[in-house]
N, C-alpha and C. Protein backbone atom coordinates (compact mmCIF):
# COMPACT_ATOMS: atom_id res chain seq x y z
N MET A 1 -42.62 8.93 0.96
CA MET A 1 -43.08 8.92 -0.42
C MET A 1 -41.99 9.52 -1.28
N PRO A 2 -41.44 8.77 -2.22
CA PRO A 2 -40.35 9.29 -3.06
C PRO A 2 -40.88 10.32 -4.05
N LEU A 3 -39.95 11.19 -4.48
CA LEU A 3 -40.28 12.24 -5.42
C LEU A 3 -40.35 11.68 -6.82
N SER A 4 -41.24 12.24 -7.64
CA SER A 4 -41.29 11.80 -9.03
C SER A 4 -40.10 12.38 -9.76
N GLU A 5 -39.88 11.88 -10.98
CA GLU A 5 -38.76 12.33 -11.77
C GLU A 5 -38.83 13.83 -12.06
N GLN A 6 -40.04 14.30 -12.35
CA GLN A 6 -40.23 15.74 -12.63
C GLN A 6 -39.95 16.57 -11.39
N GLU A 7 -40.38 16.10 -10.23
CA GLU A 7 -40.13 16.83 -8.98
C GLU A 7 -38.64 16.84 -8.65
N GLN A 8 -37.96 15.75 -8.90
CA GLN A 8 -36.51 15.72 -8.68
C GLN A 8 -35.79 16.72 -9.59
N ARG A 9 -36.17 16.76 -10.85
CA ARG A 9 -35.56 17.74 -11.76
C ARG A 9 -35.84 19.16 -11.34
N LEU A 10 -37.05 19.41 -10.91
CA LEU A 10 -37.46 20.74 -10.45
C LEU A 10 -36.65 21.14 -9.21
N LEU A 11 -36.47 20.21 -8.28
CA LEU A 11 -35.68 20.46 -7.08
C LEU A 11 -34.22 20.76 -7.42
N GLU A 12 -33.66 19.96 -8.33
CA GLU A 12 -32.26 20.21 -8.78
C GLU A 12 -32.15 21.58 -9.45
N GLU A 13 -33.13 21.96 -10.24
CA GLU A 13 -33.09 23.29 -10.89
C GLU A 13 -33.15 24.40 -9.86
N MET A 14 -33.99 24.20 -8.85
CA MET A 14 -34.09 25.21 -7.78
C MET A 14 -32.78 25.33 -7.01
N GLU A 15 -32.11 24.19 -6.73
CA GLU A 15 -30.84 24.23 -6.04
C GLU A 15 -29.78 24.94 -6.89
N ARG A 16 -29.74 24.62 -8.17
CA ARG A 16 -28.76 25.31 -9.06
C ARG A 16 -28.97 26.82 -9.06
N ASN A 17 -30.24 27.25 -9.17
CA ASN A 17 -30.52 28.67 -9.14
C ASN A 17 -30.17 29.32 -7.83
N LEU A 18 -30.38 28.60 -6.72
CA LEU A 18 -29.99 29.12 -5.42
C LEU A 18 -28.50 29.33 -5.35
N TYR A 19 -27.74 28.32 -5.76
CA TYR A 19 -26.27 28.46 -5.72
C TYR A 19 -25.78 29.55 -6.65
N GLN A 20 -26.44 29.74 -7.80
CA GLN A 20 -25.98 30.78 -8.74
C GLN A 20 -26.38 32.16 -8.31
N ASN A 21 -27.61 32.35 -7.83
CA ASN A 21 -28.14 33.66 -7.56
C ASN A 21 -27.91 34.15 -6.14
N ASP A 22 -27.81 33.24 -5.19
CA ASP A 22 -27.67 33.63 -3.80
C ASP A 22 -26.42 33.02 -3.17
N ALA A 23 -25.27 33.27 -3.76
CA ALA A 23 -24.02 32.70 -3.27
C ALA A 23 -23.72 33.17 -1.83
N ASP A 24 -24.07 34.43 -1.53
CA ASP A 24 -23.82 34.93 -0.17
C ASP A 24 -24.67 34.19 0.85
N PHE A 25 -25.92 33.96 0.50
CA PHE A 25 -26.83 33.24 1.42
C PHE A 25 -26.33 31.82 1.62
N VAL A 26 -25.90 31.17 0.55
CA VAL A 26 -25.41 29.80 0.66
C VAL A 26 -24.15 29.75 1.53
N ALA A 27 -23.28 30.72 1.33
CA ALA A 27 -22.05 30.76 2.15
C ALA A 27 -22.38 30.97 3.62
N THR A 28 -23.40 31.79 3.92
CA THR A 28 -23.78 32.07 5.31
C THR A 28 -24.41 30.83 5.93
N VAL A 29 -25.27 30.16 5.23
CA VAL A 29 -26.03 29.06 5.80
C VAL A 29 -25.27 27.76 5.71
N SER A 30 -24.30 27.67 4.86
CA SER A 30 -23.55 26.44 4.65
C SER A 30 -22.98 25.91 5.97
N ALA A 31 -23.00 24.58 6.07
CA ALA A 31 -22.51 23.93 7.33
C ALA A 31 -21.01 23.82 7.29
N ARG A 32 -20.38 24.08 6.18
CA ARG A 32 -18.93 23.96 6.09
C ARG A 32 -18.24 25.07 6.86
N ARG A 33 -17.23 24.71 7.60
CA ARG A 33 -16.45 25.70 8.32
C ARG A 33 -15.00 25.48 7.97
N GLY A 34 -14.20 26.52 8.19
CA GLY A 34 -12.78 26.40 7.90
C GLY A 34 -12.08 25.59 8.97
N ARG A 35 -10.82 25.37 8.76
CA ARG A 35 -10.03 24.61 9.74
C ARG A 35 -10.01 25.38 11.05
N PRO A 36 -10.05 24.66 12.16
CA PRO A 36 -9.98 25.38 13.44
C PRO A 36 -8.58 25.94 13.64
N ASN A 37 -8.52 27.10 14.24
CA ASN A 37 -7.25 27.74 14.52
C ASN A 37 -6.85 27.33 15.95
N TYR A 38 -5.93 26.37 16.02
CA TYR A 38 -5.57 25.80 17.30
C TYR A 38 -4.85 26.81 18.20
N THR A 39 -4.21 27.78 17.61
CA THR A 39 -3.55 28.81 18.46
C THR A 39 -4.57 29.63 19.17
N VAL A 40 -5.63 30.03 18.50
CA VAL A 40 -6.69 30.81 19.14
C VAL A 40 -7.39 29.98 20.23
N ILE A 41 -7.62 28.71 19.95
CA ILE A 41 -8.23 27.83 20.95
C ILE A 41 -7.33 27.72 22.19
N LEU A 42 -6.04 27.55 21.97
CA LEU A 42 -5.09 27.44 23.09
C LEU A 42 -5.07 28.73 23.92
N VAL A 43 -5.06 29.86 23.24
CA VAL A 43 -5.09 31.16 23.96
C VAL A 43 -6.37 31.28 24.77
N GLY A 44 -7.49 30.90 24.18
CA GLY A 44 -8.77 30.95 24.93
C GLY A 44 -8.78 30.05 26.13
N VAL A 45 -8.21 28.84 25.98
CA VAL A 45 -8.15 27.91 27.12
C VAL A 45 -7.24 28.50 28.22
N LEU A 46 -6.14 29.06 27.83
CA LEU A 46 -5.22 29.64 28.83
C LEU A 46 -5.87 30.84 29.55
N ILE A 47 -6.64 31.65 28.82
CA ILE A 47 -7.35 32.78 29.45
C ILE A 47 -8.40 32.23 30.40
N GLY A 48 -9.08 31.15 29.99
CA GLY A 48 -10.06 30.52 30.86
C GLY A 48 -9.44 29.97 32.12
N ILE A 49 -8.30 29.36 32.03
CA ILE A 49 -7.63 28.82 33.21
C ILE A 49 -7.22 29.95 34.15
N ALA A 50 -6.72 31.07 33.56
CA ALA A 50 -6.36 32.22 34.36
C ALA A 50 -7.58 32.78 35.06
N GLY A 51 -8.73 32.78 34.38
CA GLY A 51 -9.98 33.25 34.98
C GLY A 51 -10.40 32.35 36.15
N VAL A 52 -10.28 31.05 35.99
CA VAL A 52 -10.64 30.12 37.08
C VAL A 52 -9.71 30.38 38.29
N ALA A 53 -8.41 30.56 38.01
CA ALA A 53 -7.47 30.80 39.11
C ALA A 53 -7.83 32.14 39.80
N THR A 54 -8.21 33.15 39.06
CA THR A 54 -8.59 34.43 39.65
C THR A 54 -9.87 34.27 40.47
N LEU A 55 -10.81 33.49 39.94
CA LEU A 55 -12.05 33.23 40.67
C LEU A 55 -11.79 32.52 42.00
N VAL A 56 -10.95 31.50 41.96
CA VAL A 56 -10.61 30.78 43.19
C VAL A 56 -9.86 31.70 44.17
N THR A 57 -9.00 32.51 43.66
CA THR A 57 -8.28 33.49 44.51
C THR A 57 -9.27 34.45 45.17
N GLY A 58 -10.25 34.89 44.42
CA GLY A 58 -11.27 35.79 44.98
C GLY A 58 -12.07 35.10 46.10
N VAL A 59 -12.34 33.81 45.92
CA VAL A 59 -13.09 33.06 46.94
C VAL A 59 -12.22 32.90 48.18
N ILE A 60 -10.95 32.56 48.00
CA ILE A 60 -10.04 32.36 49.13
C ILE A 60 -9.84 33.67 49.90
N LEU A 61 -9.69 34.79 49.17
CA LEU A 61 -9.49 36.08 49.85
C LEU A 61 -10.80 36.69 50.32
N GLN A 62 -11.89 36.10 49.95
CA GLN A 62 -13.23 36.59 50.28
C GLN A 62 -13.46 38.00 49.76
N LEU A 63 -13.00 38.23 48.53
CA LEU A 63 -13.22 39.48 47.86
C LEU A 63 -14.12 39.26 46.64
N ALA A 64 -15.34 39.75 46.76
CA ALA A 64 -16.31 39.48 45.69
C ALA A 64 -15.87 40.09 44.36
N ILE A 65 -15.24 41.24 44.39
CA ILE A 65 -14.85 41.90 43.15
C ILE A 65 -13.82 41.09 42.39
N VAL A 66 -12.91 40.44 43.12
CA VAL A 66 -11.90 39.59 42.48
C VAL A 66 -12.56 38.33 41.90
N GLY A 67 -13.53 37.78 42.62
CA GLY A 67 -14.26 36.62 42.09
C GLY A 67 -15.04 36.95 40.83
N VAL A 68 -15.72 38.09 40.83
CA VAL A 68 -16.46 38.53 39.64
C VAL A 68 -15.52 38.79 38.49
N LEU A 69 -14.39 39.41 38.78
CA LEU A 69 -13.39 39.66 37.75
C LEU A 69 -12.86 38.33 37.17
N GLY A 70 -12.64 37.36 38.04
CA GLY A 70 -12.18 36.03 37.59
C GLY A 70 -13.20 35.36 36.70
N PHE A 71 -14.49 35.50 37.07
CA PHE A 71 -15.55 34.93 36.25
C PHE A 71 -15.59 35.58 34.88
N LEU A 72 -15.44 36.89 34.84
CA LEU A 72 -15.48 37.62 33.57
C LEU A 72 -14.29 37.20 32.68
N VAL A 73 -13.12 37.05 33.27
CA VAL A 73 -11.95 36.60 32.51
C VAL A 73 -12.17 35.19 32.00
N MET A 74 -12.70 34.32 32.84
CA MET A 74 -12.98 32.96 32.44
C MET A 74 -13.99 32.95 31.26
N PHE A 75 -15.03 33.73 31.36
CA PHE A 75 -16.04 33.81 30.31
C PHE A 75 -15.41 34.33 29.00
N ALA A 76 -14.54 35.33 29.11
CA ALA A 76 -13.88 35.86 27.92
C ALA A 76 -13.01 34.79 27.27
N GLY A 77 -12.35 33.97 28.08
CA GLY A 77 -11.53 32.89 27.54
C GLY A 77 -12.37 31.88 26.77
N VAL A 78 -13.54 31.54 27.31
CA VAL A 78 -14.42 30.61 26.60
C VAL A 78 -14.89 31.21 25.26
N LEU A 79 -15.23 32.50 25.29
CA LEU A 79 -15.65 33.16 24.05
C LEU A 79 -14.53 33.16 22.99
N VAL A 80 -13.31 33.43 23.46
CA VAL A 80 -12.18 33.43 22.51
C VAL A 80 -11.96 32.05 21.92
N ALA A 81 -12.07 31.02 22.77
CA ALA A 81 -11.83 29.62 22.29
C ALA A 81 -12.91 29.16 21.34
N LEU A 82 -14.16 29.61 21.57
CA LEU A 82 -15.29 29.12 20.74
C LEU A 82 -15.66 30.04 19.58
N ALA A 83 -15.00 31.18 19.47
CA ALA A 83 -15.34 32.13 18.42
C ALA A 83 -15.09 31.51 17.04
N PRO A 84 -16.00 31.79 16.07
CA PRO A 84 -15.81 31.23 14.72
C PRO A 84 -14.57 31.87 14.10
N PRO A 85 -13.90 31.11 13.23
CA PRO A 85 -12.66 31.66 12.60
C PRO A 85 -12.97 32.85 11.71
N ARG A 86 -12.09 33.78 11.73
CA ARG A 86 -12.26 34.96 10.85
C ARG A 86 -11.83 34.64 9.45
N ARG A 87 -12.48 35.28 8.48
CA ARG A 87 -12.12 35.08 7.09
C ARG A 87 -10.96 36.02 6.75
N SER A 88 -10.14 35.55 5.80
CA SER A 88 -9.06 36.40 5.37
C SER A 88 -9.61 37.50 4.42
N ALA A 89 -8.88 38.55 4.25
CA ALA A 89 -9.36 39.68 3.42
C ALA A 89 -9.55 39.29 1.96
N GLY A 90 -8.75 38.34 1.47
CA GLY A 90 -8.85 37.94 0.07
C GLY A 90 -10.14 37.18 -0.26
N ALA A 91 -10.66 36.44 0.75
CA ALA A 91 -11.86 35.66 0.52
C ALA A 91 -13.12 36.30 1.09
N ALA A 92 -13.04 37.57 1.40
CA ALA A 92 -14.16 38.23 2.06
C ALA A 92 -15.42 38.27 1.21
N SER A 93 -15.29 38.78 -0.01
CA SER A 93 -16.50 38.88 -0.83
C SER A 93 -16.10 38.89 -2.30
N PRO A 94 -16.97 38.45 -3.19
CA PRO A 94 -16.65 38.45 -4.61
C PRO A 94 -16.66 39.88 -5.13
N ALA A 95 -16.18 40.03 -6.34
CA ALA A 95 -16.13 41.35 -6.98
C ALA A 95 -17.52 41.91 -7.14
N PRO A 96 -17.70 43.23 -6.94
CA PRO A 96 -19.03 43.81 -7.07
C PRO A 96 -19.54 43.69 -8.50
N GLN A 97 -20.85 43.56 -8.61
CA GLN A 97 -21.47 43.45 -9.91
C GLN A 97 -21.74 44.83 -10.49
N GLU A 98 -22.01 44.84 -11.77
CA GLU A 98 -22.33 46.12 -12.38
C GLU A 98 -23.70 46.59 -11.91
N PHE A 99 -23.95 47.90 -12.02
CA PHE A 99 -25.20 48.46 -11.54
C PHE A 99 -26.38 47.83 -12.26
N GLY A 100 -27.40 47.46 -11.48
CA GLY A 100 -28.59 46.85 -12.05
C GLY A 100 -28.50 45.32 -12.09
N GLY A 101 -27.38 44.76 -11.73
CA GLY A 101 -27.23 43.31 -11.73
C GLY A 101 -28.18 42.64 -10.75
N ALA A 102 -28.34 43.27 -9.60
CA ALA A 102 -29.23 42.68 -8.57
C ALA A 102 -30.68 42.68 -9.05
N ARG A 103 -31.07 43.75 -9.75
CA ARG A 103 -32.44 43.81 -10.26
C ARG A 103 -32.67 42.73 -11.29
N ALA A 104 -31.68 42.51 -12.15
CA ALA A 104 -31.83 41.49 -13.16
C ALA A 104 -31.98 40.13 -12.51
N LYS A 105 -31.23 39.87 -11.45
CA LYS A 105 -31.36 38.59 -10.75
C LYS A 105 -32.70 38.46 -10.10
N GLN A 106 -33.20 39.55 -9.50
CA GLN A 106 -34.52 39.50 -8.86
C GLN A 106 -35.60 39.22 -9.91
N LYS A 107 -35.48 39.87 -11.05
CA LYS A 107 -36.48 39.67 -12.10
C LYS A 107 -36.43 38.23 -12.57
N LYS A 108 -35.23 37.70 -12.79
CA LYS A 108 -35.09 36.33 -13.26
C LYS A 108 -35.66 35.36 -12.24
N SER A 109 -35.34 35.54 -10.94
CA SER A 109 -35.81 34.60 -9.94
C SER A 109 -37.30 34.75 -9.76
N SER A 110 -37.82 36.00 -9.93
CA SER A 110 -39.26 36.17 -9.77
C SER A 110 -39.99 35.49 -10.92
N SER A 111 -39.46 35.54 -12.12
CA SER A 111 -40.11 34.83 -13.22
C SER A 111 -39.99 33.31 -13.02
N PHE A 112 -38.92 32.89 -12.44
CA PHE A 112 -38.74 31.48 -12.10
C PHE A 112 -39.81 31.08 -11.09
N MET A 113 -40.01 31.90 -10.07
CA MET A 113 -41.02 31.61 -9.07
C MET A 113 -42.42 31.63 -9.66
N ASP A 114 -42.63 32.57 -10.59
CA ASP A 114 -43.94 32.61 -11.25
C ASP A 114 -44.20 31.31 -12.01
N GLY A 115 -43.15 30.82 -12.67
CA GLY A 115 -43.27 29.53 -13.38
C GLY A 115 -43.61 28.41 -12.43
N LEU A 116 -42.93 28.40 -11.28
CA LEU A 116 -43.20 27.35 -10.26
C LEU A 116 -44.62 27.44 -9.78
N ASN A 117 -45.06 28.66 -9.51
CA ASN A 117 -46.45 28.84 -9.05
C ASN A 117 -47.46 28.41 -10.11
N ASP A 118 -47.19 28.71 -11.36
CA ASP A 118 -48.09 28.27 -12.43
C ASP A 118 -48.12 26.74 -12.51
N ARG A 119 -46.95 26.13 -12.42
CA ARG A 119 -46.92 24.67 -12.45
C ARG A 119 -47.71 24.05 -11.29
N TRP A 120 -47.51 24.67 -10.12
CA TRP A 120 -48.21 24.18 -8.94
C TRP A 120 -49.74 24.30 -9.10
N ASP A 121 -50.17 25.46 -9.59
CA ASP A 121 -51.61 25.67 -9.78
C ASP A 121 -52.15 24.68 -10.79
N LYS A 122 -51.42 24.45 -11.90
CA LYS A 122 -51.87 23.51 -12.92
C LYS A 122 -51.96 22.11 -12.32
N ARG A 123 -50.95 21.75 -11.53
CA ARG A 123 -50.94 20.41 -10.93
C ARG A 123 -52.12 20.24 -9.98
N GLN A 124 -52.42 21.27 -9.19
CA GLN A 124 -53.55 21.21 -8.25
C GLN A 124 -54.87 21.13 -9.01
N ASP A 125 -54.97 21.84 -10.13
CA ASP A 125 -56.17 21.76 -10.95
C ASP A 125 -56.38 20.41 -11.54
N ASP A 126 -55.26 19.80 -11.98
CA ASP A 126 -55.32 18.45 -12.58
C ASP A 126 -55.75 17.40 -11.53
N ARG A 127 -55.28 17.55 -10.32
CA ARG A 127 -55.66 16.61 -9.25
C ARG A 127 -57.11 16.75 -8.84
N GLY A 128 -57.60 17.99 -8.87
CA GLY A 128 -58.96 18.26 -8.44
C GLY A 128 -60.00 17.73 -9.41
N GLN A 129 -59.65 17.55 -10.66
CA GLN A 129 -60.65 17.13 -11.67
C GLN A 129 -60.66 15.66 -11.87
């Protein structure tokens, strides 16, 4: 069932407010990721290969501790290769807001939500009659 024109406008308004008021949340949830760092991936793969070699050596020598150590090294290599890229210090966070800015945003978004709730209640009342 397609959205009505009013519902589409309301959804667009909610999206704009989300992007304006909760930029940190949007950045956290956003599906966009930075370019993969191929050097880190290569290092992780090399560590993983070294771990596999250590694991096989532990099996050949029949030394459980060497095999466990090889598994741990292999696991560390996989973690290094799959770790999300780190952000640079310049793009870490926006400039801090003045004191009370967060409260003003909360008040604005709460009044926005109150308006949405009022519209919803009115719409439900109109449908019921």
